[in-house]
Amino acid sequence: MYKIQKAEKLADKIFLMDVEAPRVARHCQPGQFVIVKMDEKGERIPLTICDYDREAGTVTIVFQIVGASTDKMAELKEGDYFRDFTGPLGCASEFVEEDLEELKNKKILFVAGGVGAAPVYPQVKWMHERGIDVDVIVGSKTKEMLILEKEMEAVAGNLYVCTDDGSYGHHGMVTSMIEKLVGEGKKYDRCVAIGPMIMMKFVCLLTKKLEIPTIVSMNPIMVDGTGMCGACRLQVGDEIKFACVDGPEFDGHLVDFDQAMKRQLMYKTEEGRAILKLQEGDTHHGGCGNCGGDN
């Protein structure tokens, strides 16, 4: 059992929890995720790690209500428990293994859309702790939907906030802010974009034109989290990848976002899953490719 040390509502349908999970906290890195399960019969829910405290043995998760399971999870309070809290899963962000001196000489831009601010935060914090200043763009539909602004401001070199409706910060989408910064003479060696798939798609279309290498996190398409269900199968260049076991981060200029979004819609129905399994054959699942994950 994993005790919830803190439960907080960040915005409408968006919640933060600090969970006592010492073994996960000891080993997790930015970019990885956990799978939580409320009780023995509960659904397995993959969630990106928002923060961690190795000394306190806690891991911070942020989630948005998108269905019955997350709606039920939002009712959990401080002192309640998760039945399972499995992780860390997935691959850490690639910069964790890079030479620090080389990283310090690069100009990196992080772009977070909506709840994507949660997985962006630990990456920016990791950079800050190692003396690397990065620019961060955080976008949301409205001021009320903006999350983790103060936390991000404390670790970002420069923070730029955008709202679609202009109720706070820059009036416009994150792509317009990227164009504005580049137009003002900013030069970036790399971009990391995390948020809704449609946002990541248009960020990548822009950064490809601007010749800025871009990493995206495909955590929005994960379901099972272990490569067995086939939900997160995606085309990356000439290769078939699975977000949960090969990622969740990939070269955004190689990801086929249109195919991924189409699969995401099809996967929601039993008929759609059957069609995908028939069309994709042995490549439908990760790992062995023949595990029958959605049977």
C-alpha atoms as a PDB file:
ATOM      1  CA  MET A   1       0.000   0.000   0.000  1.00  0.00           C
ATOM      2  CA  TYR A   2       1.198   3.479  -0.902  1.00  0.00           C
ATOM      3  CA  LYS A   3       0.091   6.357   1.306  1.00  0.00           C
ATOM      4  CA  ILE A   4      -1.007   9.685  -0.174  1.00  0.00           C
ATOM      5  CA  GLN A   5       0.892  12.367   1.746  1.00  0.00           C
ATOM      6  CA  LYS A   6      -0.694  15.295  -0.052  1.00  0.00           C
ATOM      7  CA  ALA A   7      -3.744  15.755  -2.293  1.00  0.00           C
ATOM      8  CA  GLU A   8      -4.405  19.083  -3.966  1.00  0.00           C
ATOM      9  CA  LYS A   9      -6.696  20.389  -6.694  1.00  0.00           C
ATOM     10  CA  LEU A  10      -4.639  22.499  -9.106  1.00  0.00           C
ATOM     11  CA  ALA A  11      -7.391  23.534 -11.523  1.00  0.00           C
ATOM     12  CA  ASP A  12     -10.726  22.313 -12.823  1.00  0.00           C
ATOM     13  CA  LYS A  13     -10.417  18.503 -13.115  1.00  0.00           C
ATOM     14  CA  ILE A  14      -6.630  18.615 -12.547  1.00  0.00           C
ATOM     15  CA  PHE A  15      -5.160  17.161  -9.342  1.00  0.00           C
ATOM     16  CA  LEU A  16      -1.747  16.736  -7.713  1.00  0.00           C
ATOM     17  CA  MET A  17      -0.742  14.034  -5.232  1.00  0.00           C
ATOM     18  CA  ASP A  18       2.446  13.290  -3.305  1.00  0.00           C
ATOM     19  CA  VAL A  19       2.668   9.529  -2.782  1.00  0.00           C
ATOM     20  CA  GLU A  20       4.910   7.663  -0.358  1.00  0.00           C
ATOM     21  CA  ALA A  21       6.872   5.307  -2.638  1.00  0.00           C
ATOM     22  CA  PRO A  22      10.521   5.170  -1.454  1.00  0.00           C
ATOM     23  CA  ARG A  23      11.804   2.603  -3.967  1.00  0.00           C
ATOM     24  CA  VAL A  24      10.321   4.477  -6.929  1.00  0.00           C
ATOM     25  CA  ALA A  25      11.640   7.799  -5.598  1.00  0.00           C
ATOM     26  CA  ARG A  26      15.156   6.363  -5.254  1.00  0.00           C
ATOM     27  CA  HIS A  27      15.414   5.283  -8.875  1.00  0.00           C
ATOM     28  CA  CYS A  28      13.167   7.517 -11.009  1.00  0.00           C
ATOM     29  CA  GLN A  29      14.463  10.084 -13.477  1.00  0.00           C
ATOM     30  CA  PRO A  30      12.827  12.912 -15.480  1.00  0.00           C
ATOM     31  CA  GLY A  31      10.776  11.541 -18.370  1.00  0.00           C
ATOM     32  CA  GLN A  32       9.718   8.300 -16.699  1.00  0.00           C
ATOM     33  CA  PHE A  33       6.253   7.271 -15.518  1.00  0.00           C
ATOM     34  CA  VAL A  34       4.446   5.090 -12.983  1.00  0.00           C
ATOM     35  CA  ILE A  35       1.326   2.930 -13.103  1.00  0.00           C
ATOM     36  CA  VAL A  36      -1.121   3.407 -10.262  1.00  0.00           C
ATOM     37  CA  LYS A  37      -3.992   1.195  -9.210  1.00  0.00           C
ATOM     38  CA  MET A  38      -6.503   2.242  -6.577  1.00  0.00           C
ATOM     39  CA  ASP A  39      -7.619  -1.203  -5.426  1.00  0.00           C
ATOM     40  CA  GLU A  40      -7.413  -4.865  -6.381  1.00  0.00           C
ATOM     41  CA  LYS A  41     -10.041  -4.523  -9.119  1.00  0.00           C
ATOM     42  CA  GLY A  42      -9.101  -1.013 -10.212  1.00  0.00           C
ATOM     43  CA  GLU A  43      -7.870   0.057 -13.643  1.00  0.00           C
ATOM     44  CA  ARG A  44      -4.131   0.420 -14.227  1.00  0.00           C
ATOM     45  CA  ILE A  45      -3.464   4.114 -14.915  1.00  0.00           C
ATOM     46  CA  PRO A  46      -0.110   5.269 -16.392  1.00  0.00           C
ATOM     47  CA  LEU A  47       0.949   8.706 -15.124  1.00  0.00           C
ATOM     48  CA  THR A  48       4.093  10.698 -15.831  1.00  0.00           C
ATOM     49  CA  ILE A  49       6.240  11.536 -12.801  1.00  0.00           C
ATOM     50  CA  CYS A  50       5.921  15.247 -12.026  1.00  0.00           C
ATOM     51  CA  ASP A  51       8.490  15.398  -9.206  1.00  0.00           C
ATOM     52  CA  TYR A  52      10.256  13.242  -6.660  1.00  0.00           C
ATOM     53  CA  ASP A  53      11.981  13.639  -3.300  1.00  0.00           C
ATOM     54  CA  ARG A  54      14.537  10.900  -2.720  1.00  0.00           C
ATOM     55  CA  GLU A  55      15.080  11.834   0.944  1.00  0.00           C
ATOM     56  CA  ALA A  56      11.386  11.945   1.811  1.00  0.00           C
ATOM     57  CA  GLY A  57      10.691   8.904  -0.374  1.00  0.00           C
ATOM     58  CA  THR A  58       7.811  10.567  -2.203  1.00  0.00           C
ATOM     59  CA  VAL A  59       6.775  10.807  -5.842  1.00  0.00           C
ATOM     60  CA  THR A  60       4.501  13.548  -7.181  1.00  0.00           C
ATOM     61  CA  ILE A  61       1.874  12.775  -9.808  1.00  0.00           C
ATOM     62  CA  VAL A  62      -0.497  15.111 -11.627  1.00  0.00           C
ATOM     63  CA  PHE A  63      -3.575  13.838 -13.428  1.00  0.00           C
ATOM     64  CA  GLN A  64      -6.648  15.110 -15.206  1.00  0.00           C
ATOM     65  CA  ILE A  65     -10.114  13.582 -14.954  1.00  0.00           C
ATOM     66  CA  VAL A  66     -10.783  11.910 -18.300  1.00  0.00           C
ATOM     67  CA  GLY A  67     -12.970   8.963 -17.316  1.00  0.00           C
ATOM     68  CA  ALA A  68     -14.495   6.930 -14.494  1.00  0.00           C
ATOM     69  CA  SER A  69     -11.182   5.756 -12.986  1.00  0.00           C
ATOM     70  CA  THR A  70      -9.558   9.187 -12.783  1.00  0.00           C
ATOM     71  CA  ASP A  71     -12.850  10.626 -11.507  1.00  0.00           C
ATOM     72  CA  LYS A  72     -12.758   8.097  -8.684  1.00  0.00           C
ATOM     73  CA  MET A  73      -9.071   8.794  -8.087  1.00  0.00           C
ATOM     74  CA  ALA A  74      -9.803  12.504  -7.645  1.00  0.00           C
ATOM     75  CA  GLU A  75     -11.868  11.600  -4.567  1.00  0.00           C
ATOM     76  CA  LEU A  76      -8.825  10.204  -2.745  1.00  0.00           C
ATOM     77  CA  LYS A  77      -7.588  12.369   0.118  1.00  0.00           C
ATOM     78  CA  GLU A  78      -4.439  12.792   2.203  1.00  0.00           C
ATOM     79  CA  GLY A  79      -4.031   9.622   4.267  1.00  0.00           C
ATOM     80  CA  ASP A  80      -5.696   7.349   1.699  1.00  0.00           C
ATOM     81  CA  TYR A  81      -3.722   4.651  -0.119  1.00  0.00           C
ATOM     82  CA  PHE A  82      -3.040   3.317  -3.598  1.00  0.00           C
ATOM     83  CA  ARG A  83      -3.080  -0.459  -3.920  1.00  0.00           C
ATOM     84  CA  ASP A  84      -0.237  -0.391  -6.473  1.00  0.00           C
ATOM     85  CA  PHE A  85       2.300   2.249  -7.449  1.00  0.00           C
ATOM     86  CA  THR A  86       4.626   0.631  -9.980  1.00  0.00           C
ATOM     87  CA  GLY A  87       7.718   2.242 -11.474  1.00  0.00           C
ATOM     88  CA  PRO A  88       9.792   3.857 -12.603  1.00  0.00           C
ATOM     89  CA  LEU A  89       8.807   2.731 -16.107  1.00  0.00           C
ATOM     90  CA  GLY A  90       9.849   3.903 -19.554  1.00  0.00           C
ATOM     91  CA  CYS A  91      13.126   5.494 -20.546  1.00  0.00           C
ATOM     92  CA  ALA A  92      14.540   8.580 -18.855  1.00  0.00           C
ATOM     93  CA  SER A  93      14.936  11.773 -20.868  1.00  0.00           C
ATOM     94  CA  GLU A  94      17.972  11.487 -23.124  1.00  0.00           C
ATOM     95  CA  PHE A  95      19.769  14.480 -21.611  1.00  0.00           C
ATOM     96  CA  VAL A  96      20.153  12.617 -18.290  1.00  0.00           C
ATOM     97  CA  GLU A  97      22.947  10.617 -19.934  1.00  0.00           C
ATOM     98  CA  GLU A  98      24.502  13.546 -21.808  1.00  0.00           C
ATOM     99  CA  ASP A  99      27.725  15.322 -20.880  1.00  0.00           C
ATOM    100  CA  LEU A 100      26.865  18.191 -18.539  1.00  0.00           C
ATOM    101  CA  GLU A 101      29.442  20.577 -19.945  1.00  0.00           C
ATOM    102  CA  GLU A 102      28.065  20.063 -23.442  1.00  0.00           C
ATOM    103  CA  LEU A 103      24.520  20.616 -22.170  1.00  0.00           C
ATOM    104  CA  LYS A 104      25.553  23.888 -20.544  1.00  0.00           C
ATOM    105  CA  ASN A 105      26.700  25.154 -23.937  1.00  0.00           C
ATOM    106  CA  LYS A 106      23.341  24.445 -25.575  1.00  0.00           C
ATOM    107  CA  LYS A 107      20.266  26.634 -25.612  1.00  0.00           C
ATOM    108  CA  ILE A 108      17.214  24.506 -24.862  1.00  0.00           C
ATOM    109  CA  LEU A 109      13.549  25.441 -25.107  1.00  0.00           C
ATOM    110  CA  PHE A 110      10.840  23.532 -23.233  1.00  0.00           C
ATOM    111  CA  VAL A 111       7.230  23.862 -24.385  1.00  0.00           C
ATOM    112  CA  ALA A 112       4.412  22.638 -22.132  1.00  0.00           C
ATOM    113  CA  GLY A 113       0.746  22.531 -23.073  1.00  0.00           C
ATOM    114  CA  GLY A 114      -1.954  22.045 -20.441  1.00  0.00           C
ATOM    115  CA  VAL A 115      -1.216  19.088 -18.155  1.00  0.00           C
ATOM    116  CA  GLY A 116       2.050  18.710 -20.107  1.00  0.00           C
ATOM    117  CA  ALA A 117       3.480  21.180 -17.591  1.00  0.00           C
ATOM    118  CA  ALA A 118       3.674  18.263 -15.139  1.00  0.00           C
ATOM    119  CA  PRO A 119       6.216  16.121 -17.076  1.00  0.00           C
ATOM    120  CA  VAL A 120       8.102  19.237 -18.251  1.00  0.00           C
ATOM    121  CA  TYR A 121       8.651  20.463 -14.679  1.00  0.00           C
ATOM    122  CA  PRO A 122      11.017  17.676 -13.460  1.00  0.00           C
ATOM    123  CA  GLN A 123      13.127  18.083 -16.607  1.00  0.00           C
ATOM    124  CA  VAL A 124      13.490  21.838 -16.121  1.00  0.00           C
ATOM    125  CA  LYS A 125      14.161  21.309 -12.400  1.00  0.00           C
ATOM    126  CA  TRP A 126      16.871  18.736 -13.251  1.00  0.00           C
ATOM    127  CA  MET A 127      18.505  21.309 -15.539  1.00  0.00           C
ATOM    128  CA  HIS A 128      18.272  24.055 -12.901  1.00  0.00           C
ATOM    129  CA  GLU A 129      19.875  21.864 -10.224  1.00  0.00           C
ATOM    130  CA  ARG A 130      22.870  21.398 -12.529  1.00  0.00           C
ATOM    131  CA  GLY A 131      23.275  25.066 -13.323  1.00  0.00           C
ATOM    132  CA  ILE A 132      21.662  24.957 -16.764  1.00  0.00           C
ATOM    133  CA  ASP A 133      19.271  27.784 -17.598  1.00  0.00           C
ATOM    134  CA  VAL A 134      16.531  26.967 -20.094  1.00  0.00           C
ATOM    135  CA  ASP A 135      13.634  28.878 -21.624  1.00  0.00           C
ATOM    136  CA  VAL A 136      10.167  27.531 -20.874  1.00  0.00           C
ATOM    137  CA  ILE A 137       6.853  28.236 -22.597  1.00  0.00           C
ATOM    138  CA  VAL A 138       3.747  27.119 -20.714  1.00  0.00           C
ATOM    139  CA  GLY A 139       0.397  27.305 -22.444  1.00  0.00           C
ATOM    140  CA  SER A 140      -3.178  26.737 -21.318  1.00  0.00           C
ATOM    141  CA  LYS A 141      -6.662  27.504 -22.606  1.00  0.00           C
ATOM    142  CA  THR A 142      -7.368  30.036 -19.838  1.00  0.00           C
ATOM    143  CA  LYS A 143      -5.675  31.508 -16.771  1.00  0.00           C
ATOM    144  CA  GLU A 144      -7.782  29.217 -14.565  1.00  0.00           C
ATOM    145  CA  MET A 145      -6.402  26.125 -16.329  1.00  0.00           C
ATOM    146  CA  LEU A 146      -2.757  27.131 -15.860  1.00  0.00           C
ATOM    147  CA  ILE A 147      -0.843  24.827 -13.487  1.00  0.00           C
ATOM    148  CA  LEU A 148       2.563  24.810 -11.759  1.00  0.00           C
ATOM    149  CA  GLU A 149       3.378  28.397 -12.754  1.00  0.00           C
ATOM    150  CA  LYS A 150       5.184  29.291  -9.499  1.00  0.00           C
ATOM    151  CA  GLU A 151       7.080  26.005  -9.441  1.00  0.00           C
ATOM    152  CA  MET A 152       8.180  26.455 -13.047  1.00  0.00           C
ATOM    153  CA  GLU A 153       9.148  30.077 -12.498  1.00  0.00           C
ATOM    154  CA  ALA A 154      11.491  28.999  -9.679  1.00  0.00           C
ATOM    155  CA  VAL A 155      13.529  26.692 -11.934  1.00  0.00           C
ATOM    156  CA  ALA A 156      13.261  28.211 -15.434  1.00  0.00           C
ATOM    157  CA  GLY A 157      15.810  30.637 -16.817  1.00  0.00           C
ATOM    158  CA  ASN A 158      12.984  32.493 -18.579  1.00  0.00           C
ATOM    159  CA  LEU A 159       9.307  31.604 -18.312  1.00  0.00           C
ATOM    160  CA  TYR A 160       6.775  32.640 -20.945  1.00  0.00           C
ATOM    161  CA  VAL A 161       3.080  32.020 -20.224  1.00  0.00           C
ATOM    162  CA  CYS A 162       0.457  31.830 -22.988  1.00  0.00           C
ATOM    163  CA  THR A 163      -3.308  31.525 -22.842  1.00  0.00           C
ATOM    164  CA  ASP A 164      -5.496  30.768 -25.843  1.00  0.00           C
ATOM    165  CA  ASP A 165      -8.092  33.345 -24.779  1.00  0.00           C
ATOM    166  CA  GLY A 166      -5.613  36.026 -23.708  1.00  0.00           C
ATOM    167  CA  SER A 167      -6.829  36.015 -20.094  1.00  0.00           C
ATOM    168  CA  TYR A 168      -3.211  35.863 -18.854  1.00  0.00           C
ATOM    169  CA  GLY A 169       0.253  36.282 -20.314  1.00  0.00           C
ATOM    170  CA  HIS A 170       0.751  36.133 -24.072  1.00  0.00           C
ATOM    171  CA  HIS A 171      -2.482  35.977 -26.067  1.00  0.00           C
ATOM    172  CA  GLY A 172      -2.083  33.015 -28.373  1.00  0.00           C
ATOM    173  CA  MET A 173      -0.947  29.429 -28.647  1.00  0.00           C
ATOM    174  CA  VAL A 174       2.526  28.204 -27.758  1.00  0.00           C
ATOM    175  CA  THR A 175       3.531  28.137 -31.418  1.00  0.00           C
ATOM    176  CA  SER A 176       2.992  31.892 -31.711  1.00  0.00           C
ATOM    177  CA  MET A 177       5.295  32.415 -28.727  1.00  0.00           C
ATOM    178  CA  ILE A 178       7.988  30.245 -30.320  1.00  0.00           C
ATOM    179  CA  GLU A 179       7.738  32.360 -33.467  1.00  0.00           C
ATOM    180  CA  LYS A 180       7.907  35.544 -31.381  1.00  0.00           C
ATOM    181  CA  LEU A 181      11.052  34.455 -29.507  1.00  0.00           C
ATOM    182  CA  VAL A 182      12.826  33.312 -32.659  1.00  0.00           C
ATOM    183  CA  GLY A 183      11.767  36.530 -34.385  1.00  0.00           C
ATOM    184  CA  GLU A 184      13.394  38.481 -31.552  1.00  0.00           C
ATOM    185  CA  GLY A 185      16.682  36.724 -32.237  1.00  0.00           C
ATOM    186  CA  LYS A 186      16.547  33.751 -29.866  1.00  0.00           C
ATOM    187  CA  LYS A 187      18.401  30.690 -31.166  1.00  0.00           C
ATOM    188  CA  TYR A 188      17.734  27.191 -29.846  1.00  0.00           C
ATOM    189  CA  ASP A 189      19.757  24.010 -30.230  1.00  0.00           C
ATOM    190  CA  ARG A 190      16.891  21.804 -29.084  1.00  0.00           C
ATOM    191  CA  CYS A 191      13.218  21.924 -28.177  1.00  0.00           C
ATOM    192  CA  VAL A 192      11.317  19.599 -25.847  1.00  0.00           C
ATOM    193  CA  ALA A 193       7.529  19.758 -26.338  1.00  0.00           C
ATOM    194  CA  ILE A 194       5.029  17.938 -24.118  1.00  0.00           C
ATOM    195  CA  GLY A 195       1.267  18.321 -24.146  1.00  0.00           C
ATOM    196  CA  PRO A 196      -1.796  17.305 -26.158  1.00  0.00           C
ATOM    197  CA  MET A 197      -0.896  15.482 -29.365  1.00  0.00           C
ATOM    198  CA  ILE A 198      -2.347  18.188 -31.588  1.00  0.00           C
ATOM    199  CA  MET A 199      -0.154  20.763 -29.823  1.00  0.00           C
ATOM    200  CA  MET A 200       2.974  18.636 -30.217  1.00  0.00           C
ATOM    201  CA  LYS A 201       2.168  18.091 -33.894  1.00  0.00           C
ATOM    202  CA  PHE A 202       2.005  21.813 -34.666  1.00  0.00           C
ATOM    203  CA  VAL A 203       5.054  22.605 -32.537  1.00  0.00           C
ATOM    204  CA  CYS A 204       6.979  20.010 -34.556  1.00  0.00           C
ATOM    205  CA  LEU A 205       5.739  21.385 -37.878  1.00  0.00           C
ATOM    206  CA  LEU A 206       7.041  24.800 -36.821  1.00  0.00           C
ATOM    207  CA  THR A 207      10.357  23.665 -35.331  1.00  0.00           C
ATOM    208  CA  LYS A 208      11.070  21.550 -38.394  1.00  0.00           C
ATOM    209  CA  LYS A 209      10.676  24.683 -40.517  1.00  0.00           C
ATOM    210  CA  LEU A 210      12.908  26.563 -38.058  1.00  0.00           C
ATOM    211  CA  GLU A 211      15.427  23.669 -38.077  1.00  0.00           C
ATOM    212  CA  ILE A 212      15.247  23.131 -34.307  1.00  0.00           C
ATOM    213  CA  PRO A 213      15.592  19.427 -33.327  1.00  0.00           C
ATOM    214  CA  THR A 214      12.557  18.551 -31.202  1.00  0.00           C
ATOM    215  CA  ILE A 215      11.790  15.839 -28.660  1.00  0.00           C
ATOM    216  CA  VAL A 216       8.185  14.982 -27.790  1.00  0.00           C
ATOM    217  CA  SER A 217       6.667  12.770 -25.107  1.00  0.00           C
ATOM    218  CA  MET A 218       4.006  10.347 -26.320  1.00  0.00           C
ATOM    219  CA  ASN A 219       2.651   9.598 -22.838  1.00  0.00           C
ATOM    220  CA  PRO A 220      -0.911  10.716 -23.819  1.00  0.00           C
ATOM    221  CA  ILE A 221      -1.437   7.508 -25.837  1.00  0.00           C
ATOM    222  CA  MET A 222      -0.423   4.973 -23.156  1.00  0.00           C
ATOM    223  CA  VAL A 223      -2.995   2.585 -21.658  1.00  0.00           C
ATOM    224  CA  ASP A 224      -1.405  -0.593 -20.308  1.00  0.00           C
ATOM    225  CA  GLY A 225       2.091   0.832 -19.886  1.00  0.00           C
ATOM    226  CA  THR A 226       3.988  -2.431 -20.469  1.00  0.00           C
ATOM    227  CA  GLY A 227       3.806  -2.917 -24.258  1.00  0.00           C
ATOM    228  CA  MET A 228       1.065  -5.556 -24.167  1.00  0.00           C
ATOM    229  CA  CYS A 229      -2.084  -3.680 -25.169  1.00  0.00           C
ATOM    230  CA  GLY A 230      -0.877  -2.112 -28.410  1.00  0.00           C
ATOM    231  CA  ALA A 231      -2.488   1.260 -27.640  1.00  0.00           C
ATOM    232  CA  CYS A 232       0.731   3.243 -27.856  1.00  0.00           C
ATOM    233  CA  ARG A 233       2.034   1.742 -31.086  1.00  0.00           C
ATOM    234  CA  LEU A 234       3.309   4.495 -33.345  1.00  0.00           C
ATOM    235  CA  GLN A 235       5.315   5.103 -36.475  1.00  0.00           C
ATOM    236  CA  VAL A 236       8.619   6.874 -35.873  1.00  0.00           C
ATOM    237  CA  GLY A 237      10.358   7.343 -39.203  1.00  0.00           C
ATOM    238  CA  ASP A 238      10.687   3.878 -40.765  1.00  0.00           C
ATOM    239  CA  GLU A 239      10.262   2.071 -37.429  1.00  0.00           C
ATOM    240  CA  ILE A 240       7.372   0.843 -35.300  1.00  0.00           C
ATOM    241  CA  LYS A 241       7.781   1.929 -31.679  1.00  0.00           C
ATOM    242  CA  PHE A 242       5.774   1.643 -28.471  1.00  0.00           C
ATOM    243  CA  ALA A 243       5.634   4.727 -26.262  1.00  0.00           C
ATOM    244  CA  CYS A 244       5.607   2.817 -22.983  1.00  0.00           C
ATOM    245  CA  VAL A 245       8.655   0.587 -23.554  1.00  0.00           C
ATOM    246  CA  ASP A 246      10.648   2.459 -26.232  1.00  0.00           C
ATOM    247  CA  GLY A 247       9.817   5.963 -25.002  1.00  0.00           C
ATOM    248  CA  PRO A 248       7.868   7.871 -23.962  1.00  0.00           C
ATOM    249  CA  GLU A 249      10.170  10.410 -25.652  1.00  0.00           C
ATOM    250  CA  PHE A 250      10.914  10.392 -29.387  1.00  0.00           C
ATOM    251  CA  ASP A 251      12.227  12.579 -32.179  1.00  0.00           C
ATOM    252  CA  GLY A 252       9.155  14.703 -32.865  1.00  0.00           C
ATOM    253  CA  HIS A 253      10.106  15.318 -36.485  1.00  0.00           C
ATOM    254  CA  LEU A 254       9.889  11.562 -37.147  1.00  0.00           C
ATOM    255  CA  VAL A 255       6.626  10.820 -35.289  1.00  0.00           C
ATOM    256  CA  ASP A 256       3.552  10.289 -37.491  1.00  0.00           C
ATOM    257  CA  PHE A 257       1.104  12.299 -35.388  1.00  0.00           C
ATOM    258  CA  ASP A 258      -1.807  11.902 -37.795  1.00  0.00           C
ATOM    259  CA  GLN A 259      -1.562   8.122 -37.633  1.00  0.00           C
ATOM    260  CA  ALA A 260      -1.161   8.185 -33.843  1.00  0.00           C
ATOM    261  CA  MET A 261      -4.236  10.361 -33.344  1.00  0.00           C
ATOM    262  CA  LYS A 262      -6.294   8.198 -35.706  1.00  0.00           C
ATOM    263  CA  ARG A 263      -5.236   5.044 -33.815  1.00  0.00           C
ATOM    264  CA  GLN A 264      -6.082   6.705 -30.513  1.00  0.00           C
ATOM    265  CA  LEU A 265      -9.680   7.241 -31.653  1.00  0.00           C
ATOM    266  CA  MET A 266      -9.986   3.709 -33.081  1.00  0.00           C
ATOM    267  CA  TYR A 267      -8.540   2.114 -29.945  1.00  0.00           C
ATOM    268  CA  LYS A 268     -11.364   3.477 -27.801  1.00  0.00           C
ATOM    269  CA  THR A 269     -13.889   0.983 -29.230  1.00  0.00           C
ATOM    270  CA  GLU A 270     -13.856  -2.811 -29.178  1.00  0.00           C
ATOM    271  CA  GLU A 271     -14.449  -2.875 -32.929  1.00  0.00           C
ATOM    272  CA  GLY A 272     -11.594  -0.433 -33.495  1.00  0.00           C
ATOM    273  CA  ARG A 273      -9.184  -2.546 -31.422  1.00  0.00           C
ATOM    274  CA  ALA A 274     -10.150  -5.647 -33.398  1.00  0.00           C
ATOM    275  CA  ILE A 275      -9.519  -3.858 -36.706  1.00  0.00           C
ATOM    276  CA  LEU A 276      -6.148  -2.565 -35.558  1.00  0.00           C
ATOM    277  CA  LYS A 277      -5.089  -6.010 -34.331  1.00  0.00           C
ATOM    278  CA  LEU A 278      -6.066  -7.526 -37.683  1.00  0.00           C
ATOM    279  CA  GLN A 279      -4.322  -4.828 -39.721  1.00  0.00           C
ATOM    280  CA  GLU A 280      -1.112  -4.758 -37.675  1.00  0.00           C
ATOM    281  CA  GLY A 281      -0.575  -8.442 -37.051  1.00  0.00           C
ATOM    282  CA  ASP A 282       2.536  -9.303 -35.032  1.00  0.00           C
ATOM    283  CA  THR A 283       3.481  -5.630 -34.733  1.00  0.00           C
ATOM    284  CA  HIS A 284       0.265  -4.776 -32.854  1.00  0.00           C
ATOM    285  CA  HIS A 285       1.886  -5.407 -29.458  1.00  0.00           C
ATOM    286  CA  GLY A 286       5.250  -4.486 -28.039  1.00  0.00           C
ATOM    287  CA  GLY A 287       7.693  -7.002 -26.615  1.00  0.00           C
ATOM    288  CA  CYS A 288       6.970 -10.436 -28.050  1.00  0.00           C
ATOM    289  CA  GLY A 289       4.352  -9.087 -30.462  1.00  0.00           C
ATOM    290  CA  ASN A 290       2.157 -12.157 -29.873  1.00  0.00           C
ATOM    291  CA  CYS A 291       1.064 -11.811 -26.258  1.00  0.00           C
ATOM    292  CA  GLY A 292      -2.637 -11.262 -26.949  1.00  0.00           C
ATOM    293  CA  GLY A 293      -2.588  -8.212 -24.758  1.00  0.00           C
ATOM    294  CA  ASP A 294      -6.149  -7.072 -25.415  1.00  0.00           C
ATOM    295  CA  ASN A 295      -7.757 -10.491 -24.957  1.00  0.00           C
END
